Amino acid sequence: MDLLIAAEQLGSAGKTLEMAARYAQERTQFGQAIGAFQAVKHLCAQMLVRAEVARGAVYAAAVTGDVLEIAGAKLLADEAAVRNARDCLQVHGGMGFTWEADVHLHLKRAWVRAGFGQSAAQAEEELAAAL
């Protein structure tokens, strides 16, 4: 169950990264795309790093089926989904809260999915005990 949730969170993290990058290329401010601004570049780069780290963990957990790897994968995927949705919302600005953009839906669903299965605190305790 936790592996399935982690995979779904990973998909959400990737989708919000894609949405943020596309919007940063389309939206202009001061005569240029907002993706040209350093702050937006850094947000998108951090989103990419979180998604890729979670992707590696989820793929490894899927191959091994190890309980500890699944706990770590869910922990990383939950963080990637929630934080990427928040950063995507930041890139979209006030537009992200409207019904025209699905960003707020990704954030709400990431919060709900993070509550399913093993919580972050439980996963951290399980991983710490195994060390």
N, C-alpha and C. Protein backbone atom coordinates (compact mmCIF):
# COMPACT_ATOMS: atom_id res chain seq x y z
N MET A 1 0.83 -1.19 0.00
CA MET A 1 0.00 0.00 0.00
C MET A 1 0.87 1.26 0.00
N ASP A 2 1.89 1.28 0.87
CA ASP A 2 2.76 2.46 0.97
C ASP A 2 3.53 2.69 -0.33
N LEU A 3 3.92 1.61 -0.98
CA LEU A 3 4.65 1.76 -2.24
C LEU A 3 3.75 2.36 -3.32
N LEU A 4 2.50 1.95 -3.34
CA LEU A 4 1.55 2.50 -4.29
C LEU A 4 1.32 3.99 -4.04
N ILE A 5 1.18 4.36 -2.78
CA ILE A 5 1.01 5.78 -2.43
C ILE A 5 2.26 6.56 -2.83
N ALA A 6 3.43 5.99 -2.58
CA ALA A 6 4.68 6.67 -2.94
C ALA A 6 4.76 6.88 -4.45
N ALA A 7 4.34 5.88 -5.21
CA ALA A 7 4.37 6.02 -6.67
C ALA A 7 3.40 7.10 -7.14
N GLU A 8 2.24 7.16 -6.51
CA GLU A 8 1.27 8.20 -6.87
C GLU A 8 1.79 9.59 -6.50
N GLN A 9 2.42 9.69 -5.34
CA GLN A 9 3.01 10.96 -4.92
C GLN A 9 4.12 11.38 -5.89
N LEU A 10 4.89 10.41 -6.34
CA LEU A 10 5.96 10.69 -7.31
C LEU A 10 5.38 11.25 -8.61
N GLY A 11 4.30 10.67 -9.07
CA GLY A 11 3.65 11.17 -10.27
C GLY A 11 3.15 12.60 -10.09
N SER A 12 2.61 12.89 -8.93
CA SER A 12 2.14 14.25 -8.64
C SER A 12 3.31 15.23 -8.59
N ALA A 13 4.42 14.81 -7.99
CA ALA A 13 5.60 15.67 -7.93
C ALA A 13 6.12 15.98 -9.33
N GLY A 14 6.12 14.98 -10.20
CA GLY A 14 6.56 15.20 -11.58
C GLY A 14 5.62 16.10 -12.35
N LYS A 15 4.32 15.94 -12.14
CA LYS A 15 3.34 16.76 -12.85
C LYS A 15 3.43 18.21 -12.40
N THR A 16 3.57 18.47 -11.11
CA THR A 16 3.66 19.86 -10.65
C THR A 16 4.96 20.50 -11.13
N LEU A 17 6.03 19.73 -11.23
CA LEU A 17 7.27 20.25 -11.80
C LEU A 17 7.04 20.67 -13.25
N GLU A 18 6.38 19.82 -14.01
CA GLU A 18 6.08 20.12 -15.41
C GLU A 18 5.19 21.36 -15.54
N MET A 19 4.18 21.46 -14.67
CA MET A 19 3.27 22.61 -14.71
C MET A 19 4.01 23.91 -14.40
N ALA A 20 4.89 23.87 -13.40
CA ALA A 20 5.64 25.07 -13.01
C ALA A 20 6.59 25.50 -14.11
N ALA A 21 7.29 24.55 -14.70
CA ALA A 21 8.24 24.89 -15.76
C ALA A 21 7.53 25.46 -16.99
N ARG A 22 6.41 24.87 -17.34
CA ARG A 22 5.65 25.36 -18.50
C ARG A 22 5.11 26.78 -18.24
N TYR A 23 4.56 27.01 -17.04
CA TYR A 23 4.02 28.33 -16.71
C TYR A 23 5.13 29.37 -16.65
N ALA A 24 6.29 28.98 -16.14
CA ALA A 24 7.43 29.92 -16.06
C ALA A 24 7.91 30.33 -17.44
N GLN A 25 7.73 29.49 -18.43
CA GLN A 25 8.12 29.83 -19.80
C GLN A 25 7.07 30.71 -20.48
N GLU A 26 5.79 30.53 -20.11
CA GLU A 26 4.70 31.25 -20.76
C GLU A 26 4.45 32.63 -20.16
N ARG A 27 4.52 32.75 -18.86
CA ARG A 27 4.17 33.99 -18.16
C ARG A 27 5.29 35.00 -18.29
N THR A 28 4.93 36.21 -18.70
CA THR A 28 5.94 37.26 -18.84
C THR A 28 5.73 38.35 -17.79
N GLN A 29 6.81 38.92 -17.37
CA GLN A 29 6.82 40.03 -16.42
C GLN A 29 8.01 40.91 -16.75
N PHE A 30 7.84 42.19 -16.80
CA PHE A 30 8.89 43.14 -17.15
C PHE A 30 9.49 42.82 -18.52
N GLY A 31 8.67 42.33 -19.42
CA GLY A 31 9.11 42.09 -20.78
C GLY A 31 9.84 40.78 -21.03
N GLN A 32 9.91 39.91 -20.05
CA GLN A 32 10.57 38.62 -20.26
C GLN A 32 9.85 37.53 -19.47
N ALA A 33 10.08 36.29 -19.86
CA ALA A 33 9.45 35.15 -19.17
C ALA A 33 9.93 35.10 -17.73
N ILE A 34 9.02 34.75 -16.80
CA ILE A 34 9.43 34.71 -15.40
C ILE A 34 10.44 33.61 -15.13
N GLY A 35 10.53 32.64 -16.02
CA GLY A 35 11.53 31.59 -15.90
C GLY A 35 12.95 32.11 -16.04
N ALA A 36 13.11 33.32 -16.54
CA ALA A 36 14.44 33.91 -16.67
C ALA A 36 14.94 34.48 -15.35
N PHE A 37 14.04 34.65 -14.38
CA PHE A 37 14.45 35.20 -13.09
C PHE A 37 15.08 34.12 -12.22
N GLN A 38 16.12 34.51 -11.52
CA GLN A 38 16.90 33.55 -10.74
C GLN A 38 16.06 32.84 -9.67
N ALA A 39 15.18 33.57 -9.01
CA ALA A 39 14.37 32.96 -7.95
C ALA A 39 13.49 31.84 -8.51
N VAL A 40 12.91 32.06 -9.66
CA VAL A 40 12.05 31.04 -10.27
C VAL A 40 12.89 29.87 -10.77
N LYS A 41 14.06 30.16 -11.31
CA LYS A 41 14.96 29.08 -11.74
C LYS A 41 15.32 28.18 -10.57
N HIS A 42 15.62 28.79 -9.43
CA HIS A 42 16.01 28.01 -8.26
C HIS A 42 14.84 27.16 -7.75
N LEU A 43 13.63 27.72 -7.75
CA LEU A 43 12.47 26.93 -7.33
C LEU A 43 12.29 25.71 -8.22
N CYS A 44 12.37 25.93 -9.52
CA CYS A 44 12.18 24.82 -10.46
C CYS A 44 13.31 23.79 -10.35
N ALA A 45 14.53 24.25 -10.12
CA ALA A 45 15.66 23.32 -9.97
C ALA A 45 15.50 22.47 -8.71
N GLN A 46 15.05 23.09 -7.62
CA GLN A 46 14.82 22.33 -6.39
C GLN A 46 13.69 21.32 -6.57
N MET A 47 12.68 21.70 -7.33
CA MET A 47 11.59 20.77 -7.61
C MET A 47 12.09 19.55 -8.39
N LEU A 48 12.96 19.80 -9.36
CA LEU A 48 13.52 18.71 -10.15
C LEU A 48 14.35 17.77 -9.29
N VAL A 49 15.18 18.32 -8.42
CA VAL A 49 16.02 17.50 -7.55
C VAL A 49 15.16 16.64 -6.64
N ARG A 50 14.14 17.24 -6.01
CA ARG A 50 13.26 16.46 -5.12
C ARG A 50 12.57 15.33 -5.88
N ALA A 51 12.07 15.63 -7.07
CA ALA A 51 11.37 14.60 -7.85
C ALA A 51 12.30 13.47 -8.26
N GLU A 52 13.51 13.80 -8.66
CA GLU A 52 14.44 12.76 -9.10
C GLU A 52 14.96 11.90 -7.95
N VAL A 53 15.18 12.51 -6.80
CA VAL A 53 15.60 11.73 -5.63
C VAL A 53 14.49 10.77 -5.23
N ALA A 54 13.26 11.27 -5.22
CA ALA A 54 12.12 10.41 -4.89
C ALA A 54 11.94 9.32 -5.93
N ARG A 55 12.17 9.65 -7.19
CA ARG A 55 12.03 8.66 -8.27
C ARG A 55 13.00 7.49 -8.06
N GLY A 56 14.24 7.80 -7.75
CA GLY A 56 15.22 6.75 -7.50
C GLY A 56 14.83 5.87 -6.32
N ALA A 57 14.32 6.49 -5.27
CA ALA A 57 13.93 5.73 -4.08
C ALA A 57 12.71 4.85 -4.36
N VAL A 58 11.74 5.38 -5.07
CA VAL A 58 10.54 4.60 -5.38
C VAL A 58 10.87 3.44 -6.31
N TYR A 59 11.69 3.69 -7.32
CA TYR A 59 12.07 2.61 -8.24
C TYR A 59 12.85 1.52 -7.50
N ALA A 60 13.77 1.92 -6.62
CA ALA A 60 14.55 0.93 -5.87
C ALA A 60 13.65 0.12 -4.94
N ALA A 61 12.71 0.79 -4.30
CA ALA A 61 11.79 0.07 -3.40
C ALA A 61 10.89 -0.88 -4.18
N ALA A 62 10.51 -0.49 -5.37
CA ALA A 62 9.67 -1.36 -6.20
C ALA A 62 10.43 -2.61 -6.63
N VAL A 63 11.72 -2.47 -6.88
CA VAL A 63 12.53 -3.61 -7.31
C VAL A 63 12.81 -4.56 -6.15
N THR A 64 13.20 -4.00 -5.00
CA THR A 64 13.59 -4.84 -3.88
C THR A 64 12.41 -5.32 -3.04
N GLY A 65 11.40 -4.46 -2.87
CA GLY A 65 10.27 -4.82 -2.02
C GLY A 65 10.61 -4.80 -0.55
N ASP A 66 11.77 -4.24 -0.19
CA ASP A 66 12.21 -4.18 1.20
C ASP A 66 11.35 -3.17 1.97
N VAL A 67 10.94 -3.55 3.17
CA VAL A 67 10.07 -2.71 3.99
C VAL A 67 10.73 -1.38 4.31
N LEU A 68 12.01 -1.39 4.63
CA LEU A 68 12.70 -0.14 4.95
C LEU A 68 12.85 0.76 3.73
N GLU A 69 13.11 0.17 2.59
CA GLU A 69 13.22 0.98 1.37
C GLU A 69 11.86 1.57 1.00
N ILE A 70 10.81 0.82 1.22
CA ILE A 70 9.47 1.35 0.95
C ILE A 70 9.16 2.51 1.89
N ALA A 71 9.54 2.38 3.16
CA ALA A 71 9.31 3.46 4.11
C ALA A 71 10.09 4.72 3.69
N GLY A 72 11.33 4.54 3.28
CA GLY A 72 12.12 5.67 2.82
C GLY A 72 11.58 6.28 1.54
N ALA A 73 11.11 5.44 0.65
CA ALA A 73 10.55 5.93 -0.61
C ALA A 73 9.28 6.74 -0.36
N LYS A 74 8.43 6.26 0.53
CA LYS A 74 7.20 7.00 0.83
C LYS A 74 7.53 8.32 1.49
N LEU A 75 8.50 8.31 2.38
CA LEU A 75 8.91 9.54 3.05
C LEU A 75 9.41 10.57 2.03
N LEU A 76 10.25 10.15 1.12
CA LEU A 76 10.78 11.07 0.10
C LEU A 76 9.72 11.49 -0.90
N ALA A 77 8.85 10.57 -1.29
CA ALA A 77 7.81 10.90 -2.26
C ALA A 77 6.77 11.84 -1.67
N ASP A 78 6.43 11.64 -0.40
CA ASP A 78 5.49 12.55 0.25
C ASP A 78 6.06 13.96 0.30
N GLU A 79 7.31 14.06 0.69
CA GLU A 79 7.96 15.37 0.75
C GLU A 79 8.02 16.02 -0.63
N ALA A 80 8.38 15.24 -1.63
CA ALA A 80 8.49 15.78 -2.98
C ALA A 80 7.13 16.25 -3.49
N ALA A 81 6.08 15.49 -3.25
CA ALA A 81 4.76 15.87 -3.75
C ALA A 81 4.25 17.14 -3.09
N VAL A 82 4.36 17.20 -1.77
CA VAL A 82 3.84 18.37 -1.05
C VAL A 82 4.68 19.61 -1.35
N ARG A 83 5.98 19.49 -1.26
CA ARG A 83 6.83 20.67 -1.48
C ARG A 83 6.83 21.11 -2.93
N ASN A 84 6.75 20.19 -3.88
CA ASN A 84 6.67 20.58 -5.28
C ASN A 84 5.35 21.28 -5.57
N ALA A 85 4.27 20.80 -4.97
CA ALA A 85 2.98 21.48 -5.17
C ALA A 85 3.02 22.88 -4.58
N ARG A 86 3.65 23.04 -3.42
CA ARG A 86 3.77 24.38 -2.83
C ARG A 86 4.62 25.30 -3.70
N ASP A 87 5.73 24.78 -4.20
CA ASP A 87 6.59 25.59 -5.06
C ASP A 87 5.90 25.91 -6.39
N CYS A 88 5.14 24.98 -6.92
CA CYS A 88 4.39 25.22 -8.15
C CYS A 88 3.36 26.32 -7.91
N LEU A 89 2.74 26.29 -6.76
CA LEU A 89 1.79 27.33 -6.39
C LEU A 89 2.49 28.68 -6.30
N GLN A 90 3.70 28.68 -5.79
CA GLN A 90 4.49 29.90 -5.70
C GLN A 90 4.81 30.45 -7.09
N VAL A 91 5.19 29.58 -8.00
CA VAL A 91 5.50 30.01 -9.37
C VAL A 91 4.25 30.59 -10.03
N HIS A 92 3.11 29.96 -9.82
CA HIS A 92 1.87 30.42 -10.41
C HIS A 92 1.34 31.70 -9.74
N GLY A 93 1.78 31.97 -8.53
CA GLY A 93 1.27 33.14 -7.82
C GLY A 93 -0.19 32.94 -7.47
N GLY A 94 -0.96 34.03 -7.47
CA GLY A 94 -2.37 33.97 -7.13
C GLY A 94 -3.17 33.11 -8.09
N MET A 95 -2.67 32.93 -9.29
CA MET A 95 -3.35 32.11 -10.30
C MET A 95 -3.47 30.66 -9.84
N GLY A 96 -2.54 30.19 -9.02
CA GLY A 96 -2.54 28.80 -8.57
C GLY A 96 -3.71 28.45 -7.67
N PHE A 97 -4.34 29.44 -7.05
CA PHE A 97 -5.47 29.19 -6.16
C PHE A 97 -6.80 29.18 -6.90
N THR A 98 -6.80 29.55 -8.17
CA THR A 98 -8.04 29.64 -8.91
C THR A 98 -8.39 28.30 -9.54
N TRP A 99 -9.62 28.21 -10.03
CA TRP A 99 -10.08 26.98 -10.68
C TRP A 99 -9.49 26.83 -12.07
N GLU A 100 -8.87 27.90 -12.59
CA GLU A 100 -8.27 27.82 -13.91
C GLU A 100 -6.99 26.98 -13.91
N ALA A 101 -6.34 26.89 -12.76
CA ALA A 101 -5.11 26.09 -12.62
C ALA A 101 -5.38 24.95 -11.63
N ASP A 102 -4.84 23.78 -11.92
CA ASP A 102 -5.07 22.61 -11.07
C ASP A 102 -4.04 22.49 -9.95
N VAL A 103 -3.26 23.52 -9.74
CA VAL A 103 -2.17 23.44 -8.77
C VAL A 103 -2.71 23.18 -7.36
N HIS A 104 -3.74 23.89 -6.97
CA HIS A 104 -4.29 23.73 -5.63
C HIS A 104 -4.83 22.32 -5.41
N LEU A 105 -5.31 21.69 -6.46
CA LEU A 105 -5.80 20.32 -6.34
C LEU A 105 -4.65 19.35 -6.07
N HIS A 106 -3.53 19.56 -6.72
CA HIS A 106 -2.35 18.71 -6.47
C HIS A 106 -1.88 18.86 -5.03
N LEU A 107 -1.89 20.08 -4.52
CA LEU A 107 -1.45 20.30 -3.15
C LEU A 107 -2.40 19.63 -2.15
N LYS A 108 -3.67 19.80 -2.34
CA LYS A 108 -4.64 19.19 -1.42
C LYS A 108 -4.57 17.67 -1.46
N ARG A 109 -4.44 17.12 -2.66
CA ARG A 109 -4.37 15.66 -2.78
C ARG A 109 -3.06 15.11 -2.21
N ALA A 110 -1.98 15.86 -2.37
CA ALA A 110 -0.70 15.43 -1.79
C ALA A 110 -0.79 15.40 -0.27
N TRP A 111 -1.46 16.38 0.31
CA TRP A 111 -1.64 16.39 1.76
C TRP A 111 -2.44 15.17 2.21
N VAL A 112 -3.51 14.86 1.49
CA VAL A 112 -4.36 13.73 1.86
C VAL A 112 -3.59 12.42 1.72
N ARG A 113 -2.90 12.24 0.58
CA ARG A 113 -2.16 11.00 0.37
C ARG A 113 -1.03 10.83 1.38
N ALA A 114 -0.43 11.93 1.83
CA ALA A 114 0.64 11.83 2.83
C ALA A 114 0.10 11.28 4.15
N GLY A 115 -1.18 11.46 4.39
CA GLY A 115 -1.79 10.94 5.61
C GLY A 115 -2.17 9.47 5.53
N PHE A 116 -2.22 8.91 4.33
CA PHE A 116 -2.55 7.50 4.16
C PHE A 116 -1.33 6.64 4.48
N GLY A 117 -1.59 5.43 4.89
CA GLY A 117 -0.49 4.49 5.15
C GLY A 117 0.38 4.95 6.29
N GLN A 118 1.65 4.74 6.13
CA GLN A 118 2.61 5.07 7.18
C GLN A 118 2.87 6.58 7.19
N SER A 119 2.80 7.18 8.38
CA SER A 119 3.05 8.62 8.47
C SER A 119 4.56 8.88 8.38
N ALA A 120 4.89 10.14 8.18
CA ALA A 120 6.30 10.51 8.08
C ALA A 120 7.03 10.22 9.39
N ALA A 121 6.38 10.50 10.49
CA ALA A 121 7.01 10.25 11.79
C ALA A 121 7.26 8.76 12.00
N GLN A 122 6.32 7.93 11.61
CA GLN A 122 6.49 6.47 11.75
C GLN A 122 7.62 5.98 10.85
N ALA A 123 7.67 6.49 9.63
CA ALA A 123 8.74 6.08 8.70
C ALA A 123 10.10 6.52 9.22
N GLU A 124 10.19 7.72 9.76
CA GLU A 124 11.46 8.20 10.30
C GLU A 124 11.90 7.34 11.48
N GLU A 125 10.97 6.97 12.36
CA GLU A 125 11.30 6.12 13.51
C GLU A 125 11.74 4.74 13.06
N GLU A 126 11.07 4.19 12.07
CA GLU A 126 11.41 2.85 11.56
C GLU A 126 12.81 2.87 10.93
N LEU A 127 13.08 3.90 10.15
CA LEU A 127 14.40 4.00 9.51
C LEU A 127 15.50 4.26 10.53
N ALA A 128 15.21 5.07 11.54
CA ALA A 128 16.21 5.35 12.58
C ALA A 128 16.51 4.11 13.40
N ALA A 129 15.48 3.32 13.69
CA ALA A 129 15.67 2.10 14.47
C ALA A 129 16.52 1.08 13.70
N ALA A 130 16.43 1.11 12.38
CA ALA A 130 17.17 0.15 11.57
C ALA A 130 18.64 0.52 11.42
N LEU A 131 19.00 1.75 11.74
CA LEU A 131 20.38 2.17 11.59
C LEU A 131 21.28 1.57 12.64
